[in-house]
Amino acid sequence: MFDLIPNEFAIGGVYLPPLLVCAVFGLILATATANLLNKYRLARHFFYPPLVFVAFAVIYTVLIGTFVIRA
C-alpha cells in the first residue's frame, strides 16, 4: 500500500517539512484568535497577552499537526 501521509509538502518546487506548515497555520489561527479577543475586549483579563498569543500558537500547531496533517 502507498503511504498517504506526506513526508514533505511541495509548493512551487520547494519542499517544506510538515511541522513548518503546521506552525504557519498555527500562527494564522493564533493571530485570528488574538484579534477576536481584542475585538471583544477579553484580552484585558490576561496578565500578559503576548504570552497568551504564544500559548495559542503552540496549542494550534500541536492540534493541527496531530489531527490534520499527522506528520
PDB file of N, CA and C in Angstrom:
ATOM      1  N   MET A   1       0.848  -1.194   0.000  1.00  0.00           N
ATOM      2  CA  MET A   1       0.000   0.000   0.000  1.00  0.00           C
ATOM      3  C   MET A   1       0.883   1.243   0.000  1.00  0.00           C
ATOM      4  N   PHE A   2       0.336   2.278  -0.554  1.00  0.00           N
ATOM      5  CA  PHE A   2       1.042   3.557  -0.585  1.00  0.00           C
ATOM      6  C   PHE A   2       0.800   4.317   0.701  1.00  0.00           C
ATOM      7  N   ASP A   3       1.804   5.042   1.128  1.00  0.00           N
ATOM      8  CA  ASP A   3       1.681   5.858   2.334  1.00  0.00           C
ATOM      9  C   ASP A   3       1.016   7.174   1.954  1.00  0.00           C
ATOM     10  N   LEU A   4      -0.174   7.435   2.506  1.00  0.00           N
ATOM     11  CA  LEU A   4      -0.926   8.637   2.148  1.00  0.00           C
ATOM     12  C   LEU A   4      -0.512   9.855   2.967  1.00  0.00           C
ATOM     13  N   ILE A   5       0.292   9.662   4.000  1.00  0.00           N
ATOM     14  CA  ILE A   5       0.750  10.774   4.821  1.00  0.00           C
ATOM     15  C   ILE A   5       1.999  11.364   4.164  1.00  0.00           C
ATOM     16  N   PRO A   6       1.973  12.659   3.848  1.00  0.00           N
ATOM     17  CA  PRO A   6       3.141  13.223   3.151  1.00  0.00           C
ATOM     18  C   PRO A   6       4.343  13.382   4.078  1.00  0.00           C
ATOM     19  N   ASN A   7       5.517  13.128   3.517  1.00  0.00           N
ATOM     20  CA  ASN A   7       6.743  13.369   4.274  1.00  0.00           C
ATOM     21  C   ASN A   7       7.154  14.824   4.174  1.00  0.00           C
ATOM     22  N   GLU A   8       6.799  15.461   3.078  1.00  0.00           N
ATOM     23  CA  GLU A   8       7.041  16.888   2.900  1.00  0.00           C
ATOM     24  C   GLU A   8       6.008  17.429   1.911  1.00  0.00           C
ATOM     25  N   PHE A   9       5.850  18.737   1.923  1.00  0.00           N
ATOM     26  CA  PHE A   9       4.921  19.408   1.024  1.00  0.00           C
ATOM     27  C   PHE A   9       5.724  20.129  -0.039  1.00  0.00           C
ATOM     28  N   ALA A  10       5.292  20.006  -1.276  1.00  0.00           N
ATOM     29  CA  ALA A  10       5.977  20.680  -2.381  1.00  0.00           C
ATOM     30  C   ALA A  10       5.123  21.855  -2.830  1.00  0.00           C
ATOM     31  N   ILE A  11       5.649  23.058  -2.680  1.00  0.00           N
ATOM     32  CA  ILE A  11       4.967  24.272  -3.119  1.00  0.00           C
ATOM     33  C   ILE A  11       5.893  24.979  -4.090  1.00  0.00           C
ATOM     34  N   GLY A  12       5.549  24.933  -5.356  1.00  0.00           N
ATOM     35  CA  GLY A  12       6.371  25.580  -6.372  1.00  0.00           C
ATOM     36  C   GLY A  12       7.756  24.974  -6.503  1.00  0.00           C
ATOM     37  N   GLY A  13       7.874  23.671  -6.273  1.00  0.00           N
ATOM     38  CA  GLY A  13       9.163  23.021  -6.379  1.00  0.00           C
ATOM     39  C   GLY A  13      10.030  23.135  -5.143  1.00  0.00           C
ATOM     40  N   VAL A  14       9.534  23.782  -4.109  1.00  0.00           N
ATOM     41  CA  VAL A  14      10.272  23.909  -2.853  1.00  0.00           C
ATOM     42  C   VAL A  14       9.629  22.957  -1.842  1.00  0.00           C
ATOM     43  N   TYR A  15      10.441  22.084  -1.277  1.00  0.00           N
ATOM     44  CA  TYR A  15       9.937  21.123  -0.307  1.00  0.00           C
ATOM     45  C   TYR A  15       9.934  21.726   1.089  1.00  0.00           C
ATOM     46  N   LEU A  16       8.785  21.606   1.764  1.00  0.00           N
ATOM     47  CA  LEU A  16       8.623  22.152   3.110  1.00  0.00           C
ATOM     48  C   LEU A  16       8.301  21.022   4.079  1.00  0.00           C
ATOM     49  N   PRO A  17       8.897  21.027   5.276  1.00  0.00           N
ATOM     50  CA  PRO A  17       8.569  19.995   6.259  1.00  0.00           C
ATOM     51  C   PRO A  17       7.165  20.213   6.817  1.00  0.00           C
ATOM     52  N   PRO A  18       6.496  19.139   7.212  1.00  0.00           N
ATOM     53  CA  PRO A  18       5.124  19.265   7.727  1.00  0.00           C
ATOM     54  C   PRO A  18       5.021  20.139   8.972  1.00  0.00           C
ATOM     55  N   LEU A  19       6.048  20.131   9.828  1.00  0.00           N
ATOM     56  CA  LEU A  19       5.984  20.951  11.036  1.00  0.00           C
ATOM     57  C   LEU A  19       5.981  22.437  10.702  1.00  0.00           C
ATOM     58  N   LEU A  20       6.685  22.830   9.641  1.00  0.00           N
ATOM     59  CA  LEU A  20       6.672  24.231   9.224  1.00  0.00           C
ATOM     60  C   LEU A  20       5.283  24.643   8.743  1.00  0.00           C
ATOM     61  N   VAL A  21       4.637  23.764   8.009  1.00  0.00           N
ATOM     62  CA  VAL A  21       3.278  24.054   7.529  1.00  0.00           C
ATOM     63  C   VAL A  21       2.326  24.147   8.713  1.00  0.00           C
ATOM     64  N   CYS A  22       2.461  23.249   9.679  1.00  0.00           N
ATOM     65  CA  CYS A  22       1.627  23.300  10.887  1.00  0.00           C
ATOM     66  C   CYS A  22       1.857  24.593  11.664  1.00  0.00           C
ATOM     67  N   ALA A  23       3.109  25.009  11.766  1.00  0.00           N
ATOM     68  CA  ALA A  23       3.430  26.231  12.511  1.00  0.00           C
ATOM     69  C   ALA A  23       2.849  27.466  11.834  1.00  0.00           C
ATOM     70  N   VAL A  24       2.876  27.503  10.511  1.00  0.00           N
ATOM     71  CA  VAL A  24       2.307  28.651   9.791  1.00  0.00           C
ATOM     72  C   VAL A  24       0.796  28.721  10.022  1.00  0.00           C
ATOM     73  N   PHE A  25       0.125  27.582   9.899  1.00  0.00           N
ATOM     74  CA  PHE A  25      -1.325  27.573  10.150  1.00  0.00           C
ATOM     75  C   PHE A  25      -1.634  27.880  11.619  1.00  0.00           C
ATOM     76  N   GLY A  26      -0.794  27.407  12.533  1.00  0.00           N
ATOM     77  CA  GLY A  26      -0.985  27.705  13.953  1.00  0.00           C
ATOM     78  C   GLY A  26      -0.846  29.184  14.250  1.00  0.00           C
ATOM     79  N   LEU A  27       0.130  29.845  13.614  1.00  0.00           N
ATOM     80  CA  LEU A  27       0.293  31.290  13.801  1.00  0.00           C
ATOM     81  C   LEU A  27      -0.878  32.070  13.204  1.00  0.00           C
ATOM     82  N   ILE A  28      -1.383  31.619  12.074  1.00  0.00           N
ATOM     83  CA  ILE A  28      -2.542  32.293  11.469  1.00  0.00           C
ATOM     84  C   ILE A  28      -3.754  32.189  12.381  1.00  0.00           C
ATOM     85  N   LEU A  29      -3.991  30.990  12.919  1.00  0.00           N
ATOM     86  CA  LEU A  29      -5.130  30.820  13.830  1.00  0.00           C
ATOM     87  C   LEU A  29      -4.934  31.574  15.143  1.00  0.00           C
ATOM     88  N   ALA A  30      -3.714  31.621  15.648  1.00  0.00           N
ATOM     89  CA  ALA A  30      -3.448  32.367  16.883  1.00  0.00           C
ATOM     90  C   ALA A  30      -3.651  33.862  16.665  1.00  0.00           C
ATOM     91  N   THR A  31      -3.256  34.357  15.496  1.00  0.00           N
ATOM     92  CA  THR A  31      -3.489  35.769  15.180  1.00  0.00           C
ATOM     93  C   THR A  31      -4.975  36.073  15.100  1.00  0.00           C
ATOM     94  N   ALA A  32      -5.730  35.182  14.476  1.00  0.00           N
ATOM     95  CA  ALA A  32      -7.179  35.376  14.395  1.00  0.00           C
ATOM     96  C   ALA A  32      -7.810  35.345  15.784  1.00  0.00           C
ATOM     97  N   THR A  33      -7.344  34.435  16.633  1.00  0.00           N
ATOM     98  CA  THR A  33      -7.877  34.359  17.998  1.00  0.00           C
ATOM     99  C   THR A  33      -7.522  35.612  18.793  1.00  0.00           C
ATOM    100  N   ALA A  34      -6.296  36.102  18.646  1.00  0.00           N
ATOM    101  CA  ALA A  34      -5.891  37.321  19.359  1.00  0.00           C
ATOM    102  C   ALA A  34      -6.706  38.520  18.882  1.00  0.00           C
ATOM    103  N   ASN A  35      -6.971  38.582  17.579  1.00  0.00           N
ATOM    104  CA  ASN A  35      -7.800  39.679  17.066  1.00  0.00           C
ATOM    105  C   ASN A  35      -9.219  39.611  17.617  1.00  0.00           C
ATOM    106  N   LEU A  36      -9.769  38.417  17.729  1.00  0.00           N
ATOM    107  CA  LEU A  36     -11.112  38.280  18.309  1.00  0.00           C
ATOM    108  C   LEU A  36     -11.119  38.648  19.791  1.00  0.00           C
ATOM    109  N   LEU A  37     -10.081  38.242  20.509  1.00  0.00           N
ATOM    110  CA  LEU A  37     -10.001  38.607  21.929  1.00  0.00           C
ATOM    111  C   LEU A  37      -9.886  40.117  22.102  1.00  0.00           C
ATOM    112  N   ASN A  38      -9.143  40.767  21.228  1.00  0.00           N
ATOM    113  CA  ASN A  38      -9.021  42.229  21.302  1.00  0.00           C
ATOM    114  C   ASN A  38     -10.310  42.918  20.892  1.00  0.00           C
ATOM    115  N   LYS A  39     -10.988  42.376  19.895  1.00  0.00           N
ATOM    116  CA  LYS A  39     -12.228  42.986  19.415  1.00  0.00           C
ATOM    117  C   LYS A  39     -13.308  42.975  20.503  1.00  0.00           C
ATOM    118  N   TYR A  40     -13.411  41.864  21.216  1.00  0.00           N
ATOM    119  CA  TYR A  40     -14.427  41.748  22.257  1.00  0.00           C
ATOM    120  C   TYR A  40     -13.897  42.132  23.641  1.00  0.00           C
ATOM    121  N   ARG A  41     -12.709  42.735  23.681  1.00  0.00           N
ATOM    122  CA  ARG A  41     -12.088  43.258  24.897  1.00  0.00           C
ATOM    123  C   ARG A  41     -11.912  42.190  25.977  1.00  0.00           C
ATOM    124  N   LEU A  42     -11.611  40.972  25.560  1.00  0.00           N
ATOM    125  CA  LEU A  42     -11.357  39.900  26.515  1.00  0.00           C
ATOM    126  C   LEU A  42      -9.870  39.764  26.835  1.00  0.00           C
ATOM    127  N   ALA A  43      -9.021  40.370  26.029  1.00  0.00           N
ATOM    128  CA  ALA A  43      -7.577  40.277  26.259  1.00  0.00           C
ATOM    129  C   ALA A  43      -7.162  41.045  27.507  1.00  0.00           C
ATOM    130  N   ARG A  44      -7.966  41.977  27.964  1.00  0.00           N
ATOM    131  CA  ARG A  44      -7.606  42.753  29.149  1.00  0.00           C
ATOM    132  C   ARG A  44      -7.686  41.926  30.428  1.00  0.00           C
ATOM    133  N   HIS A  45      -8.287  40.736  30.353  1.00  0.00           N
ATOM    134  CA  HIS A  45      -8.383  39.865  31.529  1.00  0.00           C
ATOM    135  C   HIS A  45      -7.125  39.019  31.737  1.00  0.00           C
ATOM    136  N   PHE A  46      -6.219  39.048  30.785  1.00  0.00           N
ATOM    137  CA  PHE A  46      -4.976  38.280  30.901  1.00  0.00           C
ATOM    138  C   PHE A  46      -3.877  39.175  31.452  1.00  0.00           C
ATOM    139  N   PHE A  47      -2.988  38.567  32.234  1.00  0.00           N
ATOM    140  CA  PHE A  47      -1.895  39.324  32.833  1.00  0.00           C
ATOM    141  C   PHE A  47      -0.903  39.788  31.773  1.00  0.00           C
ATOM    142  N   TYR A  48      -0.556  38.892  30.829  1.00  0.00           N
ATOM    143  CA  TYR A  48       0.437  39.213  29.800  1.00  0.00           C
ATOM    144  C   TYR A  48      -0.051  38.643  28.464  1.00  0.00           C
ATOM    145  N   PRO A  49      -0.818  39.422  27.689  1.00  0.00           N
ATOM    146  CA  PRO A  49      -1.427  38.910  26.454  1.00  0.00           C
ATOM    147  C   PRO A  49      -0.441  38.348  25.415  1.00  0.00           C
ATOM    148  N   PRO A  50       0.794  38.868  25.266  1.00  0.00           N
ATOM    149  CA  PRO A  50       1.695  38.223  24.297  1.00  0.00           C
ATOM    150  C   PRO A  50       2.026  36.765  24.645  1.00  0.00           C
ATOM    151  N   LEU A  51       2.087  36.457  25.926  1.00  0.00           N
ATOM    152  CA  LEU A  51       2.325  35.074  26.323  1.00  0.00           C
ATOM    153  C   LEU A  51       1.124  34.193  25.979  1.00  0.00           C
ATOM    154  N   VAL A  52      -0.062  34.742  26.082  1.00  0.00           N
ATOM    155  CA  VAL A  52      -1.270  34.014  25.685  1.00  0.00           C
ATOM    156  C   VAL A  52      -1.252  33.756  24.180  1.00  0.00           C
ATOM    157  N   PHE A  53      -0.767  34.720  23.407  1.00  0.00           N
ATOM    158  CA  PHE A  53      -0.645  34.529  21.963  1.00  0.00           C
ATOM    159  C   PHE A  53       0.308  33.382  21.643  1.00  0.00           C
ATOM    160  N   VAL A  54       1.448  33.322  22.317  1.00  0.00           N
ATOM    161  CA  VAL A  54       2.415  32.240  22.094  1.00  0.00           C
ATOM    162  C   VAL A  54       1.801  30.901  22.501  1.00  0.00           C
ATOM    163  N   ALA A  55       1.057  30.893  23.597  1.00  0.00           N
ATOM    164  CA  ALA A  55       0.416  29.656  24.040  1.00  0.00           C
ATOM    165  C   ALA A  55      -0.611  29.173  23.017  1.00  0.00           C
ATOM    166  N   PHE A  56      -1.413  30.097  22.480  1.00  0.00           N
ATOM    167  CA  PHE A  56      -2.372  29.717  21.441  1.00  0.00           C
ATOM    168  C   PHE A  56      -1.657  29.196  20.197  1.00  0.00           C
ATOM    169  N   ALA A  57      -0.561  29.811  19.819  1.00  0.00           N
ATOM    170  CA  ALA A  57       0.185  29.364  18.643  1.00  0.00           C
ATOM    171  C   ALA A  57       0.711  27.941  18.846  1.00  0.00           C
ATOM    172  N   VAL A  58       1.227  27.652  20.026  1.00  0.00           N
ATOM    173  CA  VAL A  58       1.731  26.304  20.303  1.00  0.00           C
ATOM    174  C   VAL A  58       0.589  25.293  20.322  1.00  0.00           C
ATOM    175  N   ILE A  59      -0.513  25.648  20.960  1.00  0.00           N
ATOM    176  CA  ILE A  59      -1.661  24.739  21.041  1.00  0.00           C
ATOM    177  C   ILE A  59      -2.209  24.447  19.652  1.00  0.00           C
ATOM    178  N   TYR A  60      -2.400  25.476  18.841  1.00  0.00           N
ATOM    179  CA  TYR A  60      -2.925  25.269  17.498  1.00  0.00           C
ATOM    180  C   TYR A  60      -1.951  24.477  16.630  1.00  0.00           C
ATOM    181  N   THR A  61      -0.656  24.720  16.766  1.00  0.00           N
ATOM    182  CA  THR A  61       0.332  23.974  15.987  1.00  0.00           C
ATOM    183  C   THR A  61       0.293  22.489  16.334  1.00  0.00           C
ATOM    184  N   VAL A  62       0.208  22.173  17.610  1.00  0.00           N
ATOM    185  CA  VAL A  62       0.149  20.771  18.036  1.00  0.00           C
ATOM    186  C   VAL A  62      -1.139  20.123  17.558  1.00  0.00           C
ATOM    187  N   LEU A  63      -2.255  20.824  17.677  1.00  0.00           N
ATOM    188  CA  LEU A  63      -3.532  20.241  17.246  1.00  0.00           C
ATOM    189  C   LEU A  63      -3.574  20.020  15.745  1.00  0.00           C
ATOM    190  N   ILE A  64      -3.080  20.959  14.975  1.00  0.00           N
ATOM    191  CA  ILE A  64      -3.060  20.793  13.520  1.00  0.00           C
ATOM    192  C   ILE A  64      -2.111  19.663  13.131  1.00  0.00           C
ATOM    193  N   GLY A  65      -0.962  19.607  13.759  1.00  0.00           N
ATOM    194  CA  GLY A  65      -0.006  18.543  13.466  1.00  0.00           C
ATOM    195  C   GLY A  65      -0.515  17.170  13.845  1.00  0.00           C
ATOM    196  N   THR A  66      -1.305  17.094  14.909  1.00  0.00           N
ATOM    197  CA  THR A  66      -1.792  15.799  15.369  1.00  0.00           C
ATOM    198  C   THR A  66      -3.005  15.323  14.581  1.00  0.00           C
ATOM    199  N   PHE A  67      -3.971  16.205  14.366  1.00  0.00           N
ATOM    200  CA  PHE A  67      -5.231  15.763  13.802  1.00  0.00           C
ATOM    201  C   PHE A  67      -5.421  16.059  12.325  1.00  0.00           C
ATOM    202  N   VAL A  68      -4.760  17.059  11.793  1.00  0.00           N
ATOM    203  CA  VAL A  68      -4.994  17.429  10.397  1.00  0.00           C
ATOM    204  C   VAL A  68      -3.901  16.874   9.490  1.00  0.00           C
ATOM    205  N   ILE A  69      -2.641  17.166   9.798  1.00  0.00           N
ATOM    206  CA  ILE A  69      -1.554  16.779   8.905  1.00  0.00           C
ATOM    207  C   ILE A  69      -0.972  15.422   9.280  1.00  0.00           C
ATOM    208  N   ARG A  70      -0.903  15.094  10.552  1.00  0.00           N
ATOM    209  CA  ARG A  70      -0.381  13.815  11.044  1.00  0.00           C
ATOM    210  C   ARG A  70       1.015  13.524  10.516  1.00  0.00           C
ATOM    211  N   ALA A  71       1.907  14.424  10.816  1.00  0.00           N
ATOM    212  CA  ALA A  71       3.276  14.290  10.293  1.00  0.00           C
ATOM    213  C   ALA A  71       4.053  13.207  10.979  1.00  0.00           C
TER     214      ALA A  71
END
